[in-house]
Amino acid sequence: MKTRLLTILMLITAGIFILNACKKNEEEDKVQLDANVSQFNTDANNYKSESDQADNDINNSLSSIPAFGRVAQGTEILSSPLCGVIIDSSQIANKILFYNFDGQTPCFSPSRTRSGQIKVELTTGAHWSDANSVLTITYINFKVTRLYDNKSITFNGVKTLKNINGNDWLGFILSSTTLKYQERALNIAVTFDNNLSATWNSARTTEWNYVQATTNPSIHYAHIVFTARGDTSLNGHTTVDSWGINRFGENFTTYYNSAIVSNTYCGLWRFNSGELVHHLNNADFKLTLGVDQNGNATPYACAYGYKVAWSANGNSNSVILSY
């Protein structure tokens, strides 16, 4: 049960980032907007999902590595099997591990390889499972390549993860405590396969709580609820989740009007509620999550999709998209 929970633990929602379109007429605006939305969304999803998958691997392994998690008899590393990874523990006495990716083993779905290195250091706390412990994670030419189209994304930079509540697994299963993490990433350099680059920053708090099975006919199975909130102030907004420069050289800021919420019953990628605003070049793109096919709050247990509304270049429009 613990391994399964850890596997989904670090999954954090993939944001959908919307770009500004400044063209000569409304039809050109729509064409360019669609192209930019598609590319920016792909970039954001790739960045977030690969970052989260790396976090998940780290979190899985640290729970059983001495000096980071469970202290076992002997000094051997008792890490979980990880795909295409060799863990260098030569500096474990200093609470430092190096995750070396072989660049050859196909991993996950869709199939892709990972190369480069991630340095993981426990910079605060005796164990990662302790409340207020902090991991400092350094990407060193960490490259992920999709095998079906040879597209790649490469990370360099440093981020931190703070374990707010500590990992009280019994309390979590009994629904009396939650698992809560705070992420800070500043100036992560991202390079794409066409040599274009972007800079990503993030500041968010994520929380998981376990809901036991009930007689509620809409969601009666036991499931985990995931909530994410932007938690920093920037450009007059107090709930900023991410900001930076996209591959087109344009500045963007994303903030939350309300927390985004999903669950494992409907899927962590299918949000049931929440509202984001992506601000780009003086234009706002508002995403309302968890709507039906008409763009209204879903009356069902699981939502159809999300609504995007924007006003750019003097034109206002909206579209409803499925998950």
Protein backbone atom coordinates (compact mmCIF):
# COMPACT_ATOMS: atom_id res chain seq x y z
CA MET A 1 0.00 0.00 0.00
CA LYS A 2 2.87 2.33 0.89
CA THR A 3 4.63 1.83 -2.43
CA ARG A 4 1.40 2.43 -4.36
CA LEU A 5 0.73 5.62 -2.43
CA LEU A 6 4.28 6.81 -2.98
CA THR A 7 3.94 6.10 -6.67
CA ILE A 8 1.08 8.54 -6.98
CA LEU A 9 2.32 10.83 -4.23
CA MET A 10 4.55 13.08 -6.18
CA LEU A 11 2.25 13.35 -9.06
CA ILE A 12 1.34 16.85 -9.30
CA THR A 13 -1.08 18.37 -11.85
CA ALA A 14 0.21 19.29 -15.26
CA GLY A 15 -0.67 22.94 -15.90
CA ILE A 16 -2.02 24.04 -19.29
CA PHE A 17 -0.26 27.22 -20.30
CA ILE A 18 -1.85 29.56 -22.85
CA LEU A 19 0.04 31.95 -25.10
CA ASN A 20 -0.92 35.35 -26.44
CA ALA A 21 -1.80 35.72 -30.12
CA CYS A 22 -1.21 39.06 -31.81
CA LYS A 23 -2.14 38.76 -35.46
CA LYS A 24 -3.87 40.94 -38.01
CA ASN A 25 -7.36 39.50 -37.83
CA GLU A 26 -9.49 37.22 -35.72
CA GLU A 27 -8.98 34.12 -37.86
CA GLU A 28 -5.21 34.51 -37.80
CA ASP A 29 -5.42 35.10 -34.06
CA LYS A 30 -7.24 31.80 -33.62
CA VAL A 31 -4.79 29.85 -35.79
CA GLN A 32 -1.79 31.29 -33.99
CA LEU A 33 -3.40 30.88 -30.58
CA ASP A 34 -4.12 27.22 -31.31
CA ALA A 35 -0.52 26.62 -32.37
CA ASN A 36 0.91 28.40 -29.36
CA VAL A 37 -1.48 26.70 -26.97
CA SER A 38 -0.50 23.31 -28.33
CA GLN A 39 3.24 23.94 -28.11
CA PHE A 40 3.17 25.68 -24.73
CA ASN A 41 0.90 23.00 -23.31
CA THR A 42 3.24 20.29 -24.60
CA ASP A 43 6.26 22.03 -23.10
CA ALA A 44 4.52 22.53 -19.76
CA ASN A 45 3.27 18.95 -19.59
CA ASN A 46 6.68 17.52 -20.49
CA TYR A 47 8.46 19.72 -17.97
CA LYS A 48 6.03 18.98 -15.17
CA SER A 49 5.51 15.27 -15.76
CA GLU A 50 9.23 14.48 -16.10
CA SER A 51 10.11 16.60 -13.09
CA ASP A 52 7.40 14.87 -11.07
CA GLN A 53 8.44 11.40 -12.24
CA ALA A 54 12.00 12.10 -11.09
CA ASP A 55 10.65 13.32 -7.74
CA ASN A 56 8.57 10.17 -7.48
CA ASP A 57 11.58 7.92 -8.08
CA ILE A 58 13.57 9.82 -5.48
CA ASN A 59 10.74 9.69 -2.95
CA ASN A 60 10.25 5.96 -3.51
CA SER A 61 13.90 5.16 -2.94
CA LEU A 62 14.57 7.48 0.00
CA SER A 63 11.99 5.78 2.18
CA SER A 64 14.31 2.79 2.57
CA ILE A 65 17.80 4.31 2.31
CA PRO A 66 19.76 4.77 5.56
CA ALA A 67 20.28 8.41 6.60
CA PHE A 68 17.30 9.42 4.46
CA GLY A 69 14.49 7.13 5.55
CA ARG A 70 14.32 3.80 7.34
CA VAL A 71 17.56 2.96 9.16
CA ALA A 72 18.18 -0.73 8.48
CA GLN A 73 20.71 -3.16 9.94
CA GLY A 74 23.91 -2.82 7.98
CA THR A 75 24.85 -0.09 5.56
CA GLU A 76 23.54 -1.46 2.28
CA ILE A 77 21.18 0.68 0.21
CA LEU A 78 17.69 -0.77 0.16
CA SER A 79 16.30 1.35 -2.65
CA SER A 80 13.20 0.47 -4.62
CA PRO A 81 13.88 -0.79 -8.15
CA LEU A 82 14.16 2.28 -10.37
CA CYS A 83 14.10 2.31 -14.15
CA GLY A 84 17.49 2.89 -15.76
CA VAL A 85 19.02 4.35 -12.59
CA ILE A 86 22.15 3.54 -10.61
CA ILE A 87 22.37 5.22 -7.21
CA ASP A 88 25.85 6.40 -6.18
CA SER A 89 25.97 6.37 -2.37
CA SER A 90 29.65 7.26 -1.99
CA GLN A 91 28.68 10.46 -0.13
CA ILE A 92 25.80 9.07 1.90
CA ALA A 93 27.67 9.97 5.09
CA ASN A 94 27.06 13.58 4.08
CA LYS A 95 23.44 12.75 3.22
CA ILE A 96 24.12 13.12 -0.49
CA LEU A 97 23.12 10.67 -3.22
CA PHE A 98 23.67 10.80 -6.97
CA TYR A 99 21.08 9.28 -9.29
CA ASN A 100 22.86 8.35 -12.53
CA PHE A 101 20.61 7.60 -15.52
CA ASP A 102 21.93 5.17 -18.11
CA GLY A 103 20.37 6.81 -21.21
CA GLN A 104 19.49 3.39 -22.65
CA THR A 105 16.73 1.69 -20.67
CA PRO A 106 13.21 2.40 -22.00
CA CYS A 107 11.09 3.60 -19.08
CA PHE A 108 7.41 4.18 -18.41
CA SER A 109 4.66 4.92 -20.90
CA PRO A 110 5.10 6.39 -23.44
CA SER A 111 8.52 4.79 -23.65
CA ARG A 112 11.47 7.09 -23.18
CA THR A 113 15.07 7.06 -21.97
CA ARG A 114 16.71 9.24 -19.36
CA SER A 115 20.35 10.31 -19.15
CA GLY A 116 22.42 12.63 -17.00
CA GLN A 117 22.45 12.95 -13.24
CA ILE A 118 20.35 14.21 -10.33
CA LYS A 119 22.06 15.10 -7.07
CA VAL A 120 19.86 14.69 -3.98
CA GLU A 121 20.90 16.17 -0.64
CA LEU A 122 19.01 16.13 2.64
CA THR A 123 19.78 19.69 3.68
CA THR A 124 17.39 19.93 6.64
CA GLY A 125 16.24 17.18 9.01
CA ALA A 126 17.54 13.79 10.15
CA HIS A 127 15.32 11.84 7.75
CA TRP A 128 13.24 12.79 4.72
CA SER A 129 10.14 11.47 6.50
CA ASP A 130 10.53 14.05 9.30
CA ALA A 131 8.31 17.11 9.40
CA ASN A 132 10.01 20.20 7.94
CA SER A 133 12.81 18.18 6.36
CA VAL A 134 14.13 19.59 3.08
CA LEU A 135 15.62 17.95 0.00
CA THR A 136 17.77 19.96 -2.35
CA ILE A 137 17.56 18.46 -5.84
CA THR A 138 20.08 19.45 -8.52
CA TYR A 139 19.53 18.57 -12.18
CA ILE A 140 22.81 18.02 -14.03
CA ASN A 141 22.16 17.63 -17.78
CA PHE A 142 19.14 15.50 -16.94
CA LYS A 143 17.73 14.63 -20.37
CA VAL A 144 14.52 12.77 -21.19
CA THR A 145 13.99 11.51 -24.76
CA ARG A 146 10.70 10.10 -26.06
CA LEU A 147 11.45 7.09 -28.20
CA TYR A 148 8.46 7.31 -30.52
CA ASP A 149 9.38 10.74 -31.94
CA ASN A 150 12.89 11.39 -30.52
CA LYS A 151 11.74 14.62 -28.87
CA SER A 152 13.76 15.57 -25.80
CA ILE A 153 13.80 17.96 -22.87
CA THR A 154 16.89 18.70 -20.76
CA PHE A 155 16.98 20.14 -17.23
CA ASN A 156 19.73 22.02 -15.40
CA GLY A 157 19.24 23.79 -12.09
CA VAL A 158 18.25 23.46 -8.45
CA LYS A 159 14.95 23.07 -6.62
CA THR A 160 13.89 22.19 -3.08
CA LEU A 161 11.12 20.05 -1.62
CA LYS A 162 9.98 20.60 1.96
CA ASN A 163 8.05 17.90 3.82
CA ILE A 164 5.57 20.03 5.78
CA ASN A 165 3.75 17.45 7.89
CA GLY A 166 6.10 14.49 7.80
CA ASN A 167 5.11 11.07 6.48
CA ASP A 168 2.68 9.70 9.06
CA TRP A 169 1.45 6.76 6.98
CA LEU A 170 -0.85 5.31 9.65
CA GLY A 171 -2.51 8.68 10.18
CA PHE A 172 -2.78 9.09 6.42
CA ILE A 173 -4.56 5.74 5.96
CA LEU A 174 -6.88 6.57 8.88
CA SER A 175 -7.65 9.96 7.24
CA SER A 176 -6.47 11.84 10.32
CA THR A 177 -3.41 13.47 8.72
CA THR A 178 -2.42 14.67 5.28
CA LEU A 179 0.81 14.54 3.30
CA LYS A 180 1.94 18.03 2.38
CA TYR A 181 4.92 19.29 0.37
CA GLN A 182 6.22 22.70 -0.63
CA GLU A 183 8.21 23.12 -3.84
CA ARG A 184 10.57 25.93 -4.77
CA ALA A 185 12.35 25.97 -8.13
CA LEU A 186 14.27 29.02 -9.33
CA ASN A 187 15.78 29.47 -12.78
CA ILE A 188 15.53 25.91 -13.98
CA ALA A 189 17.11 25.95 -17.44
CA VAL A 190 15.11 23.86 -19.90
CA THR A 191 16.44 23.02 -23.36
CA PHE A 192 14.35 21.41 -26.09
CA ASP A 193 15.46 19.14 -28.94
CA ASN A 194 15.47 22.05 -31.42
CA ASN A 195 17.90 23.94 -29.13
CA LEU A 196 15.27 26.48 -28.09
CA SER A 197 15.29 27.10 -24.36
CA ALA A 198 13.07 28.28 -21.53
CA THR A 199 13.41 29.26 -17.89
CA TRP A 200 10.97 27.87 -15.33
CA ASN A 201 10.29 28.89 -11.74
CA SER A 202 7.70 27.42 -9.40
CA ALA A 203 6.33 27.99 -5.91
CA ARG A 204 3.50 25.75 -4.87
CA THR A 205 2.16 23.65 -2.04
CA THR A 206 0.62 20.27 -2.74
CA GLU A 207 -1.45 18.19 -0.36
CA TRP A 208 -2.84 14.66 -0.38
CA ASN A 209 -5.54 13.24 1.85
CA TYR A 210 -6.96 9.74 1.90
CA VAL A 211 -10.76 9.38 1.70
CA GLN A 212 -12.09 6.07 2.89
CA ALA A 213 -14.83 4.15 1.09
CA THR A 214 -18.36 5.44 1.69
CA THR A 215 -21.90 4.68 0.61
CA ASN A 216 -21.97 7.80 -1.57
CA PRO A 217 -23.12 6.49 -4.97
CA SER A 218 -21.06 9.03 -6.94
CA ILE A 219 -17.66 8.25 -5.39
CA HIS A 220 -17.97 5.29 -3.06
CA TYR A 221 -14.48 3.82 -3.51
CA ALA A 222 -11.57 4.74 -1.31
CA HIS A 223 -9.45 7.34 -3.08
CA ILE A 224 -6.83 10.04 -2.62
CA VAL A 225 -7.65 13.71 -3.10
CA PHE A 226 -4.91 15.96 -4.48
CA THR A 227 -4.90 19.75 -3.97
CA ALA A 228 -2.39 22.26 -5.34
CA ARG A 229 -2.04 25.93 -4.48
CA GLY A 230 0.28 28.66 -5.70
CA ASP A 231 1.86 30.21 -2.62
CA THR A 232 4.10 33.12 -3.53
CA SER A 233 3.59 36.81 -4.32
CA LEU A 234 4.63 38.30 -7.64
CA ASN A 235 3.44 41.18 -9.82
CA GLY A 236 0.61 42.05 -7.44
CA HIS A 237 -0.68 38.48 -7.13
CA THR A 238 -0.40 36.46 -3.89
CA THR A 239 -1.15 32.98 -5.25
CA VAL A 240 1.49 32.65 -7.98
CA ASP A 241 2.32 29.07 -8.92
CA SER A 242 4.87 29.51 -11.70
CA TRP A 243 6.59 32.10 -13.85
CA GLY A 244 9.42 32.40 -16.30
CA ILE A 245 10.28 32.75 -19.97
CA ASN A 246 8.85 30.34 -22.53
CA ARG A 247 10.58 28.94 -25.62
CA PHE A 248 9.31 31.94 -27.62
CA GLY A 249 11.16 34.38 -25.36
CA GLU A 250 7.97 35.68 -23.74
CA ASN A 251 7.46 36.22 -20.01
CA PHE A 252 4.60 34.41 -18.31
CA THR A 253 3.07 34.26 -14.85
CA THR A 254 0.51 31.74 -13.61
CA TYR A 255 -1.57 32.32 -10.49
CA TYR A 256 -4.57 30.61 -8.90
CA ASN A 257 -7.96 32.17 -8.27
CA SER A 258 -8.82 28.99 -6.40
CA ALA A 259 -6.94 25.79 -5.58
CA ILE A 260 -7.02 23.02 -8.17
CA VAL A 261 -8.42 19.71 -6.97
CA SER A 262 -8.40 16.21 -8.42
CA ASN A 263 -8.55 12.66 -7.14
CA THR A 264 -7.47 9.13 -7.96
CA TYR A 265 -11.07 8.06 -8.59
CA CYS A 266 -11.35 10.25 -11.70
CA GLY A 267 -7.61 10.54 -12.35
CA LEU A 268 -5.05 13.00 -11.06
CA TRP A 269 -4.88 14.63 -14.50
CA ARG A 270 -8.66 15.24 -14.61
CA PHE A 271 -9.35 18.13 -12.26
CA ASN A 272 -12.80 18.50 -10.76
CA SER A 273 -12.45 22.12 -9.65
CA GLY A 274 -10.14 25.11 -9.55
CA GLU A 275 -9.29 28.21 -11.57
CA LEU A 276 -5.96 29.34 -13.01
CA VAL A 277 -4.96 32.53 -14.77
CA HIS A 278 -2.01 32.62 -17.17
CA HIS A 279 -0.77 36.17 -17.71
CA LEU A 280 1.29 36.71 -20.84
CA ASN A 281 2.21 39.98 -22.54
CA ASN A 282 -0.61 41.93 -20.85
CA ALA A 283 -3.22 39.32 -21.79
CA ASP A 284 -4.97 36.99 -19.34
CA PHE A 285 -6.06 33.44 -20.14
CA LYS A 286 -8.41 32.05 -17.50
CA LEU A 287 -8.78 28.28 -17.13
CA THR A 288 -11.84 27.02 -15.29
CA LEU A 289 -11.28 23.37 -14.42
CA GLY A 290 -13.92 20.71 -13.89
CA VAL A 291 -16.69 21.69 -16.34
CA ASP A 292 -19.24 19.80 -18.41
CA GLN A 293 -19.51 19.99 -22.21
CA ASN A 294 -21.37 23.30 -21.92
CA GLY A 295 -18.68 24.91 -19.78
CA ASN A 296 -20.66 24.74 -16.53
CA ALA A 297 -19.46 23.24 -13.27
CA THR A 298 -19.85 19.51 -13.71
CA PRO A 299 -22.89 17.88 -12.04
CA TYR A 300 -21.15 14.51 -12.22
CA ALA A 301 -18.48 12.85 -10.11
CA CYS A 302 -15.89 13.34 -12.85
CA ALA A 303 -15.56 16.36 -15.13
CA TYR A 304 -15.58 16.48 -18.92
CA GLY A 305 -12.82 19.08 -19.20
CA TYR A 306 -11.96 22.73 -18.72
CA LYS A 307 -12.89 26.12 -20.15
CA VAL A 308 -10.40 28.66 -21.45
CA ALA A 309 -11.47 32.30 -21.74
CA TRP A 310 -9.25 35.10 -23.01
CA SER A 311 -9.16 38.63 -24.32
CA ALA A 312 -6.28 39.42 -26.65
CA ASN A 313 -5.70 42.06 -29.30
CA GLY A 314 -9.16 43.49 -28.69
CA ASN A 315 -10.89 40.14 -29.19
CA SER A 316 -12.59 38.05 -26.51
CA ASN A 317 -13.28 34.38 -26.90
CA SER A 318 -13.53 31.07 -25.06
CA VAL A 319 -13.27 27.39 -25.80
CA ILE A 320 -14.20 24.22 -23.93
CA LEU A 321 -11.63 21.44 -24.09
CA SER A 322 -11.81 17.86 -22.87
CA TYR A 323 -9.21 16.24 -20.66
